[in-house]
N, C-alpha and C. Protein backbone atom coordinates (compact mmCIF):
# COMPACT_ATOMS: atom_id res chain seq x y z
N MET A 1 82.49 104.15 25.20
CA MET A 1 83.58 105.07 25.00
C MET A 1 83.72 105.41 23.52
N ALA A 2 83.58 104.42 22.68
CA ALA A 2 83.71 104.67 21.25
C ALA A 2 82.61 105.61 20.75
N ALA A 3 81.40 105.48 21.28
CA ALA A 3 80.31 106.37 20.88
C ALA A 3 80.63 107.81 21.29
N CYS A 4 81.17 107.99 22.47
CA CYS A 4 81.55 109.34 22.93
C CYS A 4 82.68 109.89 22.08
N GLN A 5 83.61 109.04 21.76
CA GLN A 5 84.74 109.45 20.92
C GLN A 5 84.24 109.90 19.55
N ALA A 6 83.36 109.14 18.96
CA ALA A 6 82.84 109.47 17.64
C ALA A 6 82.03 110.77 17.66
N ALA A 7 81.33 111.03 18.74
CA ALA A 7 80.49 112.21 18.83
C ALA A 7 81.27 113.49 19.11
N SER A 8 82.50 113.36 19.56
CA SER A 8 83.22 114.53 20.06
C SER A 8 83.84 115.41 18.99
N ASP A 9 84.08 114.90 17.81
CA ASP A 9 84.76 115.67 16.76
C ASP A 9 86.13 116.15 17.22
N THR A 10 86.72 115.46 18.17
CA THR A 10 88.03 115.82 18.71
C THR A 10 88.92 114.59 18.61
N PRO A 11 90.15 114.77 18.11
CA PRO A 11 91.04 113.61 18.07
C PRO A 11 91.28 113.08 19.49
N THR A 12 90.94 111.85 19.71
CA THR A 12 91.09 111.26 21.03
C THR A 12 91.67 109.86 20.91
N GLU A 13 92.15 109.37 22.02
CA GLU A 13 92.64 108.00 22.11
C GLU A 13 92.04 107.40 23.37
N ILE A 14 91.40 106.27 23.25
CA ILE A 14 90.87 105.57 24.41
C ILE A 14 91.99 104.74 25.00
N VAL A 15 92.29 104.97 26.26
CA VAL A 15 93.37 104.27 26.94
C VAL A 15 92.76 103.52 28.13
N HIS A 16 93.01 102.22 28.17
CA HIS A 16 92.52 101.40 29.27
C HIS A 16 93.64 101.23 30.28
N THR A 17 93.37 101.60 31.53
CA THR A 17 94.34 101.39 32.59
C THR A 17 93.76 100.39 33.58
N SER A 18 94.57 99.97 34.50
CA SER A 18 94.05 99.06 35.52
C SER A 18 93.43 99.87 36.66
N GLU A 19 92.51 99.26 37.32
CA GLU A 19 91.90 99.87 38.50
C GLU A 19 92.96 100.14 39.56
N GLU A 20 93.89 99.21 39.70
CA GLU A 20 94.96 99.38 40.68
C GLU A 20 95.78 100.64 40.40
N PHE A 21 96.10 100.87 39.13
CA PHE A 21 96.87 102.06 38.76
C PHE A 21 96.11 103.32 39.15
N LEU A 22 94.83 103.37 38.86
CA LEU A 22 94.03 104.54 39.19
C LEU A 22 94.01 104.78 40.70
N LEU A 23 93.76 103.73 41.46
CA LEU A 23 93.69 103.89 42.91
C LEU A 23 95.05 104.24 43.50
N GLU A 24 96.12 103.62 43.01
CA GLU A 24 97.47 103.93 43.49
C GLU A 24 97.84 105.39 43.23
N ASN A 25 97.29 105.96 42.17
CA ASN A 25 97.60 107.34 41.81
C ASN A 25 96.52 108.31 42.29
N GLU A 26 95.74 107.86 43.24
CA GLU A 26 94.76 108.68 43.93
C GLU A 26 93.73 109.34 43.01
N VAL A 27 93.36 108.60 41.95
CA VAL A 27 92.26 109.04 41.10
C VAL A 27 90.98 108.73 41.86
N GLN A 28 90.18 109.73 42.08
CA GLN A 28 88.98 109.58 42.89
C GLN A 28 87.82 109.03 42.07
N PRO A 29 87.33 107.85 42.48
CA PRO A 29 86.17 107.30 41.79
C PRO A 29 85.00 108.28 41.81
N TRP A 30 84.30 108.35 40.71
CA TRP A 30 83.09 109.13 40.52
C TRP A 30 83.36 110.63 40.38
N ALA A 31 84.39 111.16 41.02
CA ALA A 31 84.68 112.59 40.96
C ALA A 31 85.70 112.88 39.87
N ASP A 32 86.88 112.24 39.95
CA ASP A 32 87.91 112.46 38.94
C ASP A 32 87.54 111.78 37.62
N LEU A 33 86.95 110.63 37.72
CA LEU A 33 86.47 109.90 36.53
C LEU A 33 84.99 109.61 36.73
N PRO A 34 84.14 110.55 36.31
CA PRO A 34 82.70 110.33 36.49
C PRO A 34 82.26 109.00 35.87
N LEU A 35 81.41 108.33 36.56
CA LEU A 35 80.83 107.04 36.17
C LEU A 35 81.77 105.86 36.39
N TRP A 36 82.98 106.09 36.92
CA TRP A 36 83.87 104.97 37.26
C TRP A 36 83.81 104.72 38.75
N LEU A 37 83.55 103.48 39.09
CA LEU A 37 83.63 103.03 40.48
C LEU A 37 84.47 101.77 40.53
N PRO A 38 85.27 101.60 41.56
CA PRO A 38 86.06 100.38 41.68
C PRO A 38 85.15 99.15 41.79
N GLY A 39 85.71 98.01 41.49
CA GLY A 39 84.95 96.76 41.53
C GLY A 39 84.27 96.50 42.86
N THR A 40 84.82 97.08 43.93
CA THR A 40 84.20 96.89 45.25
C THR A 40 82.82 97.52 45.32
N HIS A 41 82.51 98.40 44.37
CA HIS A 41 81.21 99.07 44.33
C HIS A 41 80.34 98.56 43.16
N ALA A 42 80.71 97.44 42.60
CA ALA A 42 79.97 96.91 41.45
C ALA A 42 78.48 96.79 41.79
N GLY A 43 77.67 97.24 40.89
CA GLY A 43 76.22 97.13 41.07
C GLY A 43 75.61 98.21 41.94
N MET A 44 76.39 99.24 42.29
CA MET A 44 75.90 100.28 43.19
C MET A 44 74.60 100.92 42.67
N ALA A 45 74.54 101.17 41.38
CA ALA A 45 73.36 101.85 40.83
C ALA A 45 72.41 100.88 40.13
N LYS A 46 72.59 99.60 40.38
CA LYS A 46 71.73 98.61 39.73
C LYS A 46 70.30 98.77 40.25
N THR A 47 69.40 98.91 39.32
CA THR A 47 68.01 99.14 39.65
C THR A 47 67.12 98.30 38.73
N ILE A 48 66.09 97.77 39.26
CA ILE A 48 65.11 97.04 38.45
C ILE A 48 64.15 98.08 37.89
N VAL A 49 64.06 98.14 36.57
CA VAL A 49 63.26 99.18 35.92
C VAL A 49 62.02 98.63 35.21
N ARG A 50 61.63 97.42 35.54
CA ARG A 50 60.49 96.80 34.87
C ARG A 50 59.24 97.67 34.94
N LYS A 51 58.93 98.25 36.11
CA LYS A 51 57.73 99.09 36.22
C LYS A 51 57.81 100.30 35.30
N ALA A 52 58.99 100.90 35.22
CA ALA A 52 59.16 102.08 34.35
C ALA A 52 59.00 101.69 32.89
N ILE A 53 59.54 100.56 32.50
CA ILE A 53 59.40 100.09 31.11
C ILE A 53 57.93 99.81 30.82
N ASP A 54 57.27 99.14 31.75
CA ASP A 54 55.85 98.84 31.57
C ASP A 54 55.01 100.11 31.47
N ALA A 55 55.49 101.20 32.11
CA ALA A 55 54.77 102.48 32.07
C ALA A 55 55.16 103.32 30.87
N GLY A 56 56.06 102.80 30.02
CA GLY A 56 56.39 103.52 28.79
C GLY A 56 57.81 104.03 28.65
N LEU A 57 58.65 103.75 29.64
CA LEU A 57 60.05 104.18 29.53
C LEU A 57 60.67 103.59 28.27
N THR A 58 61.34 104.42 27.51
CA THR A 58 62.06 103.94 26.33
C THR A 58 63.53 104.30 26.47
N PHE A 59 64.34 103.66 25.69
CA PHE A 59 65.78 103.88 25.70
C PHE A 59 66.20 104.34 24.32
N ARG A 60 67.27 105.08 24.26
CA ARG A 60 67.79 105.48 22.97
C ARG A 60 69.24 105.04 22.86
N LEU A 61 69.73 105.05 21.66
CA LEU A 61 71.09 104.59 21.41
C LEU A 61 72.10 105.48 22.12
N ILE A 62 73.17 104.88 22.62
CA ILE A 62 74.22 105.64 23.27
C ILE A 62 74.83 106.67 22.32
N GLU A 63 74.86 106.34 21.03
CA GLU A 63 75.39 107.28 20.04
C GLU A 63 74.57 108.57 20.00
N GLU A 64 73.25 108.44 20.10
CA GLU A 64 72.38 109.62 20.13
C GLU A 64 72.63 110.45 21.39
N THR A 65 72.72 109.77 22.51
CA THR A 65 72.94 110.47 23.78
C THR A 65 74.27 111.20 23.75
N ALA A 66 75.33 110.54 23.30
CA ALA A 66 76.65 111.16 23.24
C ALA A 66 76.63 112.37 22.32
N ARG A 67 76.04 112.23 21.16
CA ARG A 67 75.96 113.33 20.19
C ARG A 67 75.21 114.52 20.79
N ASP A 68 74.10 114.26 21.46
CA ASP A 68 73.29 115.34 22.03
C ASP A 68 74.00 116.02 23.21
N ILE A 69 74.73 115.27 23.99
CA ILE A 69 75.48 115.87 25.10
C ILE A 69 76.59 116.77 24.57
N VAL A 70 77.29 116.33 23.55
CA VAL A 70 78.34 117.16 22.95
C VAL A 70 77.73 118.44 22.38
N ALA A 71 76.61 118.33 21.69
CA ALA A 71 75.95 119.51 21.12
C ALA A 71 75.51 120.46 22.23
N TRP A 72 74.92 119.93 23.29
CA TRP A 72 74.49 120.75 24.42
C TRP A 72 75.69 121.47 25.04
N HIS A 73 76.76 120.73 25.23
CA HIS A 73 77.97 121.30 25.83
C HIS A 73 78.50 122.46 25.00
N LYS A 74 78.56 122.28 23.70
CA LYS A 74 79.07 123.33 22.82
C LYS A 74 78.15 124.55 22.79
N GLU A 75 76.86 124.32 22.88
CA GLU A 75 75.87 125.41 22.78
C GLU A 75 75.71 126.19 24.08
N THR A 76 75.94 125.56 25.21
CA THR A 76 75.58 126.18 26.48
C THR A 76 76.75 126.53 27.39
N ARG A 77 77.94 126.08 27.08
CA ARG A 77 79.07 126.31 27.98
C ARG A 77 80.18 127.09 27.28
N ASP A 78 80.90 127.85 28.06
CA ASP A 78 82.13 128.45 27.59
C ASP A 78 83.17 127.33 27.64
N LEU A 79 83.69 126.94 26.51
CA LEU A 79 84.58 125.77 26.46
C LEU A 79 85.87 125.97 27.22
N ASP A 80 86.17 127.20 27.64
CA ASP A 80 87.36 127.43 28.46
C ASP A 80 87.07 127.29 29.96
N ASP A 81 85.80 127.17 30.32
CA ASP A 81 85.45 127.01 31.74
C ASP A 81 85.86 125.63 32.22
N ASP A 82 86.31 125.57 33.46
CA ASP A 82 86.62 124.28 34.07
C ASP A 82 85.31 123.56 34.38
N LEU A 83 85.33 122.25 34.20
CA LEU A 83 84.17 121.44 34.55
C LEU A 83 84.19 121.17 36.05
N LYS A 84 83.06 120.88 36.62
CA LYS A 84 82.99 120.62 38.05
C LYS A 84 83.37 119.18 38.39
N ALA A 85 83.37 118.32 37.41
CA ALA A 85 83.75 116.93 37.64
C ALA A 85 84.80 116.55 36.61
N GLY A 86 85.58 115.58 36.94
CA GLY A 86 86.62 115.13 36.02
C GLY A 86 87.96 115.74 36.36
N ILE A 87 89.00 115.11 35.83
CA ILE A 87 90.35 115.60 36.09
C ILE A 87 90.73 116.66 35.06
N SER A 88 91.67 117.48 35.41
CA SER A 88 92.14 118.51 34.49
C SER A 88 92.94 117.87 33.36
N ALA A 89 93.09 118.60 32.28
CA ALA A 89 93.89 118.10 31.15
C ALA A 89 95.33 117.84 31.60
N GLU A 90 95.84 118.68 32.48
CA GLU A 90 97.21 118.51 32.97
C GLU A 90 97.35 117.22 33.78
N ARG A 91 96.38 116.95 34.66
CA ARG A 91 96.42 115.73 35.47
C ARG A 91 96.25 114.50 34.57
N GLU A 92 95.40 114.60 33.58
CA GLU A 92 95.21 113.50 32.64
C GLU A 92 96.53 113.19 31.92
N ALA A 93 97.20 114.23 31.44
CA ALA A 93 98.48 114.03 30.73
C ALA A 93 99.52 113.40 31.66
N GLU A 94 99.55 113.85 32.91
CA GLU A 94 100.48 113.28 33.89
C GLU A 94 100.21 111.79 34.11
N LEU A 95 98.94 111.45 34.28
CA LEU A 95 98.57 110.05 34.51
C LEU A 95 98.86 109.19 33.28
N LEU A 96 98.56 109.71 32.10
CA LEU A 96 98.82 108.94 30.87
C LEU A 96 100.31 108.69 30.70
N ALA A 97 101.13 109.69 30.97
CA ALA A 97 102.59 109.51 30.86
C ALA A 97 103.06 108.46 31.86
N LYS A 98 102.56 108.53 33.07
CA LYS A 98 102.94 107.56 34.10
C LYS A 98 102.46 106.16 33.73
N TRP A 99 101.25 106.04 33.17
CA TRP A 99 100.72 104.74 32.75
C TRP A 99 101.58 104.16 31.63
N ARG A 100 101.88 104.97 30.65
CA ARG A 100 102.68 104.49 29.51
C ARG A 100 104.06 104.04 29.98
N GLU A 101 104.62 104.78 30.89
CA GLU A 101 105.93 104.41 31.45
C GLU A 101 105.85 103.07 32.17
N SER A 102 104.76 102.86 32.90
CA SER A 102 104.62 101.62 33.67
C SER A 102 104.42 100.39 32.77
N VAL A 103 103.80 100.57 31.61
CA VAL A 103 103.56 99.40 30.76
C VAL A 103 104.74 99.12 29.82
N THR A 104 105.68 100.04 29.73
CA THR A 104 106.85 99.78 28.88
C THR A 104 108.04 99.27 29.69
N GLU A 105 107.89 99.24 31.01
CA GLU A 105 109.00 98.76 31.86
C GLU A 105 109.07 97.26 31.85
C-alpha cells in the first residue's frame, strides 16, 4: 500500500479497517476492493511458480510496478471515467466516515 501511495502523487491516507466492518457494510470482496478476499479465501491464488522461475521468470520491485501502473493510467485513461472495479469516491467517503465513527465510540 505504501508503494502505491508513493507512486500516486496524490495526497492519500492508508486506513486499515476490520474484515468484519467491510463485510457488515456489504463491501464486495474482489469487486469493490480489488485484490481483497476475506480470510475464508486465504490462499485462493496461491501457486507454486518454481517451474516458471527455473524457466527465467523474474520479479520486479512493487515500487516499479506501482509507478508504471500510475503512469499507464494517466497516459491511457480519461481520469474522469469511472473504473470498472473498485468503489466510487462517494462510497469510499461514506465507509470511511462510518469506520471513523465506529472506532471513536
